[in-house]
């Protein structure tokens, strides 16, 4: 069974490094980012180049006023 990780702030810095590390260890990654889609897509491409699945998801918790 493949593990899937949701990594917040994954478009740069520590989040990016975490996402790539998970991919190197055989996991698939959801790359959550707040504002820079281009950076997030770059990370998705890097994860896929490692043979893993990846998707980018824009997520800004500050804009979520109510949750169902």
PDB file of N, CA and C in Angstrom:
ATOM      1  N   UNK A   1       0.837  -1.175   0.000  1.00  0.00           N
ATOM      2  CA  UNK A   1       0.000   0.000   0.000  1.00  0.00           C
ATOM      3  C   UNK A   1       0.890   1.250   0.000  1.00  0.00           C
ATOM      4  N   UNK A   2       0.663   2.139  -0.938  1.00  0.00           N
ATOM      5  CA  UNK A   2       1.433   3.376  -1.030  1.00  0.00           C
ATOM      6  C   UNK A   2       0.894   4.394  -0.039  1.00  0.00           C
ATOM      7  N   UNK A   3       1.785   5.051   0.638  1.00  0.00           N
ATOM      8  CA  UNK A   3       1.387   6.108   1.567  1.00  0.00           C
ATOM      9  C   UNK A   3       1.337   7.437   0.829  1.00  0.00           C
ATOM     10  N   UNK A   4       0.371   8.265   1.214  1.00  0.00           N
ATOM     11  CA  UNK A   4       0.226   9.597   0.641  1.00  0.00           C
ATOM     12  C   UNK A   4       0.350  10.601   1.776  1.00  0.00           C
ATOM     13  N   UNK A   5       1.211  11.596   1.580  1.00  0.00           N
ATOM     14  CA  UNK A   5       1.426  12.618   2.601  1.00  0.00           C
ATOM     15  C   UNK A   5       0.941  13.967   2.087  1.00  0.00           C
ATOM     16  N   UNK A   6       0.275  14.704   2.964  1.00  0.00           N
ATOM     17  CA  UNK A   6      -0.095  16.090   2.697  1.00  0.00           C
ATOM     18  C   UNK A   6       0.953  16.951   3.386  1.00  0.00           C
ATOM     19  N   UNK A   7       1.713  17.698   2.599  1.00  0.00           N
ATOM     20  CA  UNK A   7       2.773  18.536   3.151  1.00  0.00           C
ATOM     21  C   UNK A   7       2.394  19.994   2.935  1.00  0.00           C
ATOM     22  N   UNK A   8       2.204  20.727   4.029  1.00  0.00           N
ATOM     23  CA  UNK A   8       1.863  22.141   3.916  1.00  0.00           C
ATOM     24  C   UNK A   8       3.130  22.963   3.735  1.00  0.00           C
ATOM     25  N   UNK A   9       2.977  24.075   3.021  1.00  0.00           N
ATOM     26  CA  UNK A   9       4.141  24.915   2.743  1.00  0.00           C
ATOM     27  C   UNK A   9       5.170  24.199   1.894  1.00  0.00           C
ATOM     28  N   UNK A  10       4.691  23.293   1.055  1.00  0.00           N
ATOM     29  CA  UNK A  10       5.599  22.410   0.317  1.00  0.00           C
ATOM     30  C   UNK A  10       6.195  23.043  -0.934  1.00  0.00           C
ATOM     31  N   UNK A  11       5.855  24.270  -1.216  1.00  0.00           N
ATOM     32  CA  UNK A  11       6.401  24.887  -2.423  1.00  0.00           C
ATOM     33  C   UNK A  11       7.784  25.483  -2.214  1.00  0.00           C
ATOM     34  N   UNK A  12       8.253  25.537  -0.943  1.00  0.00           N
ATOM     35  CA  UNK A  12       9.596  26.096  -0.717  1.00  0.00           C
ATOM     36  C   UNK A  12      10.141  25.651   0.639  1.00  0.00           C
ATOM     37  N   UNK A  13      11.405  25.857   0.841  1.00  0.00           N
ATOM     38  CA  UNK A  13      12.040  25.638   2.130  1.00  0.00           C
ATOM     39  C   UNK A  13      11.881  24.241   2.712  1.00  0.00           C
ATOM     40  N   UNK A  14      11.602  24.211   4.007  1.00  0.00           N
ATOM     41  CA  UNK A  14      11.490  22.956   4.736  1.00  0.00           C
ATOM     42  C   UNK A  14      10.377  22.065   4.190  1.00  0.00           C
ATOM     43  N   UNK A  15       9.252  22.670   3.817  1.00  0.00           N
ATOM     44  CA  UNK A  15       8.151  21.890   3.251  1.00  0.00           C
ATOM     45  C   UNK A  15       8.537  21.215   1.947  1.00  0.00           C
ATOM     46  N   UNK A  16       9.247  21.943   1.098  1.00  0.00           N
ATOM     47  CA  UNK A  16       9.718  21.375  -0.176  1.00  0.00           C
ATOM     48  C   UNK A  16      10.655  20.204   0.086  1.00  0.00           C
ATOM     49  N   UNK A  17      11.608  20.413   0.985  1.00  0.00           N
ATOM     50  CA  UNK A  17      12.560  19.346   1.299  1.00  0.00           C
ATOM     51  C   UNK A  17      11.854  18.128   1.891  1.00  0.00           C
ATOM     52  N   UNK A  18      10.847  18.367   2.709  1.00  0.00           N
ATOM     53  CA  UNK A  18      10.074  17.271   3.290  1.00  0.00           C
ATOM     54  C   UNK A  18       9.335  16.499   2.203  1.00  0.00           C
ATOM     55  N   UNK A  19       8.694  17.200   1.287  1.00  0.00           N
ATOM     56  CA  UNK A  19       7.965  16.546   0.204  1.00  0.00           C
ATOM     57  C   UNK A  19       8.893  15.676  -0.645  1.00  0.00           C
ATOM     58  N   UNK A  20      10.062  16.201  -0.968  1.00  0.00           N
ATOM     59  CA  UNK A  20      11.013  15.442  -1.781  1.00  0.00           C
ATOM     60  C   UNK A  20      11.577  14.247  -1.010  1.00  0.00           C
ATOM     61  N   UNK A  21      11.793  14.407   0.268  1.00  0.00           N
ATOM     62  CA  UNK A  21      12.278  13.301   1.090  1.00  0.00           C
ATOM     63  C   UNK A  21      11.253  12.171   1.150  1.00  0.00           C
ATOM     64  N   UNK A  22       9.997  12.526   1.306  1.00  0.00           N
ATOM     65  CA  UNK A  22       8.929  11.525   1.332  1.00  0.00           C
ATOM     66  C   UNK A  22       8.896  10.769   0.002  1.00  0.00           C
ATOM     67  N   UNK A  23       9.020  11.499  -1.097  1.00  0.00           N
ATOM     68  CA  UNK A  23       9.017  10.864  -2.417  1.00  0.00           C
ATOM     69  C   UNK A  23      10.202   9.918  -2.579  1.00  0.00           C
ATOM     70  N   UNK A  24      11.361  10.325  -2.101  1.00  0.00           N
ATOM     71  CA  UNK A  24      12.549   9.468  -2.197  1.00  0.00           C
ATOM     72  C   UNK A  24      12.382   8.181  -1.389  1.00  0.00           C
ATOM     73  N   UNK A  25      11.561   8.240  -0.358  1.00  0.00           N
ATOM     74  CA  UNK A  25      11.320   7.070   0.481  1.00  0.00           C
ATOM     75  C   UNK A  25      10.121   6.247   0.014  1.00  0.00           C
ATOM     76  N   UNK A  26       9.564   6.602  -1.148  1.00  0.00           N
ATOM     77  CA  UNK A  26       8.504   5.796  -1.741  1.00  0.00           C
ATOM     78  C   UNK A  26       7.091   6.271  -1.522  1.00  0.00           C
ATOM     79  N   UNK A  27       6.921   7.465  -0.994  1.00  0.00           N
ATOM     80  CA  UNK A  27       5.570   7.989  -0.766  1.00  0.00           C
ATOM     81  C   UNK A  27       5.119   8.927  -1.862  1.00  0.00           C
ATOM     82  N   UNK A  28       3.815   9.048  -2.016  1.00  0.00           N
ATOM     83  CA  UNK A  28       3.236  10.033  -2.915  1.00  0.00           C
ATOM     84  C   UNK A  28       2.933  11.283  -2.099  1.00  0.00           C
ATOM     85  N   UNK A  29       2.809  12.439  -2.767  1.00  0.00           N
ATOM     86  CA  UNK A  29       2.742  13.703  -2.037  1.00  0.00           C
ATOM     87  C   UNK A  29       1.666  14.624  -2.594  1.00  0.00           C
ATOM     88  N   UNK A  30       0.912  15.232  -1.683  1.00  0.00           N
ATOM     89  CA  UNK A  30       0.053  16.360  -2.024  1.00  0.00           C
ATOM     90  C   UNK A  30       0.810  17.600  -1.562  1.00  0.00           C
ATOM     91  N   UNK A  31       1.137  18.453  -2.503  1.00  0.00           N
ATOM     92  CA  UNK A  31       1.932  19.650  -2.262  1.00  0.00           C
ATOM     93  C   UNK A  31       0.965  20.799  -1.971  1.00  0.00           C
ATOM     94  N   UNK A  32       0.786  21.137  -0.701  1.00  0.00           N
ATOM     95  CA  UNK A  32      -0.105  22.241  -0.337  1.00  0.00           C
ATOM     96  C   UNK A  32       0.695  23.543  -0.307  1.00  0.00           C
ATOM     97  N   UNK A  33       0.098  24.571  -0.888  1.00  0.00           N
ATOM     98  CA  UNK A  33       0.769  25.876  -0.946  1.00  0.00           C
ATOM     99  C   UNK A  33      -0.269  26.972  -0.751  1.00  0.00           C
ATOM    100  N   UNK A  34       0.193  28.151  -0.365  1.00  0.00           N
ATOM    101  CA  UNK A  34      -0.735  29.252  -0.155  1.00  0.00           C
ATOM    102  C   UNK A  34      -0.851  30.144  -1.379  1.00  0.00           C
ATOM    103  N   UNK A  35       0.285  30.542  -1.985  1.00  0.00           N
ATOM    104  CA  UNK A  35       0.169  31.554  -3.016  1.00  0.00           C
ATOM    105  C   UNK A  35       1.002  31.399  -4.260  1.00  0.00           C
ATOM    106  N   UNK A  36       2.051  30.613  -4.247  1.00  0.00           N
ATOM    107  CA  UNK A  36       2.929  30.554  -5.411  1.00  0.00           C
ATOM    108  C   UNK A  36       2.756  29.220  -6.138  1.00  0.00           C
ATOM    109  N   UNK A  37       1.814  29.219  -7.070  1.00  0.00           N
ATOM    110  CA  UNK A  37       1.501  27.988  -7.798  1.00  0.00           C
ATOM    111  C   UNK A  37       2.679  27.492  -8.630  1.00  0.00           C
ATOM    112  N   UNK A  38       3.436  28.406  -9.211  1.00  0.00           N
ATOM    113  CA  UNK A  38       4.569  27.996 -10.051  1.00  0.00           C
ATOM    114  C   UNK A  38       5.592  27.190  -9.240  1.00  0.00           C
ATOM    115  N   UNK A  39       5.898  27.654  -8.032  1.00  0.00           N
ATOM    116  CA  UNK A  39       6.829  26.909  -7.175  1.00  0.00           C
ATOM    117  C   UNK A  39       6.247  25.544  -6.813  1.00  0.00           C
ATOM    118  N   UNK A  40       4.966  25.509  -6.509  1.00  0.00           N
ATOM    119  CA  UNK A  40       4.324  24.238  -6.146  1.00  0.00           C
ATOM    120  C   UNK A  40       4.384  23.261  -7.311  1.00  0.00           C
ATOM    121  N   UNK A  41       4.133  23.736  -8.517  1.00  0.00           N
ATOM    122  CA  UNK A  41       4.188  22.864  -9.687  1.00  0.00           C
ATOM    123  C   UNK A  41       5.604  22.367  -9.951  1.00  0.00           C
ATOM    124  N   UNK A  42       6.597  23.186  -9.621  1.00  0.00           N
ATOM    125  CA  UNK A  42       7.987  22.740  -9.745  1.00  0.00           C
ATOM    126  C   UNK A  42       8.258  21.556  -8.817  1.00  0.00           C
ATOM    127  N   UNK A  43       7.747  21.641  -7.594  1.00  0.00           N
ATOM    128  CA  UNK A  43       7.925  20.540  -6.646  1.00  0.00           C
ATOM    129  C   UNK A  43       7.191  19.302  -7.124  1.00  0.00           C
ATOM    130  N   UNK A  44       5.980  19.475  -7.649  1.00  0.00           N
ATOM    131  CA  UNK A  44       5.224  18.347  -8.212  1.00  0.00           C
ATOM    132  C   UNK A  44       6.050  17.672  -9.306  1.00  0.00           C
ATOM    133  N   UNK A  45       6.649  18.464 -10.175  1.00  0.00           N
ATOM    134  CA  UNK A  45       7.478  17.905 -11.253  1.00  0.00           C
ATOM    135  C   UNK A  45       8.676  17.141 -10.704  1.00  0.00           C
ATOM    136  N   UNK A  46       9.297  17.674  -9.657  1.00  0.00           N
ATOM    137  CA  UNK A  46      10.448  16.996  -9.052  1.00  0.00           C
ATOM    138  C   UNK A  46      10.034  15.666  -8.417  1.00  0.00           C
ATOM    139  N   UNK A  47       8.884  15.657  -7.749  1.00  0.00           N
ATOM    140  CA  UNK A  47       8.392  14.417  -7.136  1.00  0.00           C
ATOM    141  C   UNK A  47       8.101  13.390  -8.220  1.00  0.00           C
ATOM    142  N   UNK A  48       7.442  13.821  -9.279  1.00  0.00           N
ATOM    143  CA  UNK A  48       7.123  12.893 -10.378  1.00  0.00           C
ATOM    144  C   UNK A  48       8.383  12.371 -11.051  1.00  0.00           C
ATOM    145  N   UNK A  49       9.418  13.196 -11.135  1.00  0.00           N
ATOM    146  CA  UNK A  49      10.689  12.756 -11.716  1.00  0.00           C
ATOM    147  C   UNK A  49      11.327  11.650 -10.876  1.00  0.00           C
ATOM    148  N   UNK A  50      10.961  11.584  -9.605  1.00  0.00           N
ATOM    149  CA  UNK A  50      11.443  10.525  -8.726  1.00  0.00           C
ATOM    150  C   UNK A  50      10.583   9.267  -8.840  1.00  0.00           C
ATOM    151  N   UNK A  51       9.604   9.292  -9.744  1.00  0.00           N
ATOM    152  CA  UNK A  51       8.756   8.123  -9.968  1.00  0.00           C
ATOM    153  C   UNK A  51       7.560   8.020  -9.043  1.00  0.00           C
ATOM    154  N   UNK A  52       7.224   9.085  -8.348  1.00  0.00           N
ATOM    155  CA  UNK A  52       6.103   9.083  -7.421  1.00  0.00           C
ATOM    156  C   UNK A  52       4.979   9.953  -7.955  1.00  0.00           C
ATOM    157  N   UNK A  53       3.792   9.801  -7.406  1.00  0.00           N
ATOM    158  CA  UNK A  53       2.651  10.634  -7.782  1.00  0.00           C
ATOM    159  C   UNK A  53       2.649  11.887  -6.927  1.00  0.00           C
ATOM    160  N   UNK A  54       2.168  12.983  -7.522  1.00  0.00           N
ATOM    161  CA  UNK A  54       2.091  14.243  -6.790  1.00  0.00           C
ATOM    162  C   UNK A  54       1.005  15.120  -7.387  1.00  0.00           C
ATOM    163  N   UNK A  55       0.443  15.972  -6.532  1.00  0.00           N
ATOM    164  CA  UNK A  55      -0.546  16.956  -6.964  1.00  0.00           C
ATOM    165  C   UNK A  55      -0.379  18.195  -6.102  1.00  0.00           C
ATOM    166  N   UNK A  56      -0.687  19.357  -6.672  1.00  0.00           N
ATOM    167  CA  UNK A  56      -0.621  20.612  -5.926  1.00  0.00           C
ATOM    168  C   UNK A  56      -2.032  21.014  -5.500  1.00  0.00           C
ATOM    169  N   UNK A  57      -2.132  21.556  -4.295  1.00  0.00           N
ATOM    170  CA  UNK A  57      -3.413  21.978  -3.738  1.00  0.00           C
ATOM    171  C   UNK A  57      -3.230  23.332  -3.069  1.00  0.00           C
ATOM    172  N   UNK A  58      -3.919  24.362  -3.593  1.00  0.00           N
ATOM    173  CA  UNK A  58      -3.838  25.665  -2.944  1.00  0.00           C
ATOM    174  C   UNK A  58      -4.672  25.624  -1.674  1.00  0.00           C
ATOM    175  N   UNK A  59      -4.073  26.041  -0.573  1.00  0.00           N
ATOM    176  CA  UNK A  59      -4.730  25.968   0.723  1.00  0.00           C
ATOM    177  C   UNK A  59      -4.276  27.140   1.579  1.00  0.00           C
ATOM    178  N   UNK A  60      -5.231  27.975   1.973  1.00  0.00           N
ATOM    179  CA  UNK A  60      -4.931  29.109   2.839  1.00  0.00           C
ATOM    180  C   UNK A  60      -5.891  29.046   4.019  1.00  0.00           C
ATOM    181  N   UNK A  61      -5.426  28.502   5.124  1.00  0.00           N
ATOM    182  CA  UNK A  61      -6.278  28.319   6.301  1.00  0.00           C
ATOM    183  C   UNK A  61      -6.780  29.648   6.871  1.00  0.00           C
ATOM    184  N   UNK A  62      -6.094  30.737   6.611  1.00  0.00           N
ATOM    185  CA  UNK A  62      -6.532  32.035   7.110  1.00  0.00           C
ATOM    186  C   UNK A  62      -7.826  32.490   6.438  1.00  0.00           C
ATOM    187  N   UNK A  63      -8.111  31.950   5.276  1.00  0.00           N
ATOM    188  CA  UNK A  63      -9.313  32.334   4.549  1.00  0.00           C
ATOM    189  C   UNK A  63     -10.500  31.394   4.798  1.00  0.00           C
ATOM    190  N   UNK A  64     -10.291  30.371   5.576  1.00  0.00           N
ATOM    191  CA  UNK A  64     -11.380  29.463   5.902  1.00  0.00           C
ATOM    192  C   UNK A  64     -12.037  29.939   7.194  1.00  0.00           C
ATOM    193  N   UNK A  65     -13.176  30.582   7.069  1.00  0.00           N
ATOM    194  CA  UNK A  65     -13.833  31.148   8.242  1.00  0.00           C
ATOM    195  C   UNK A  65     -14.685  30.131   8.966  1.00  0.00           C
ATOM    196  N   UNK A  66     -15.281  29.236   8.217  1.00  0.00           N
ATOM    197  CA  UNK A  66     -16.090  28.187   8.845  1.00  0.00           C
ATOM    198  C   UNK A  66     -15.818  26.876   8.155  1.00  0.00           C
ATOM    199  N   UNK A  67     -15.834  25.832   8.907  1.00  0.00           N
ATOM    200  CA  UNK A  67     -15.684  24.491   8.368  1.00  0.00           C
ATOM    201  C   UNK A  67     -16.984  23.747   8.599  1.00  0.00           C
ATOM    202  N   UNK A  68     -17.372  22.905   7.641  1.00  0.00           N
ATOM    203  CA  UNK A  68     -18.634  22.160   7.822  1.00  0.00           C
ATOM    204  C   UNK A  68     -18.569  21.208   9.003  1.00  0.00           C
TER     205      UNK A  68
END
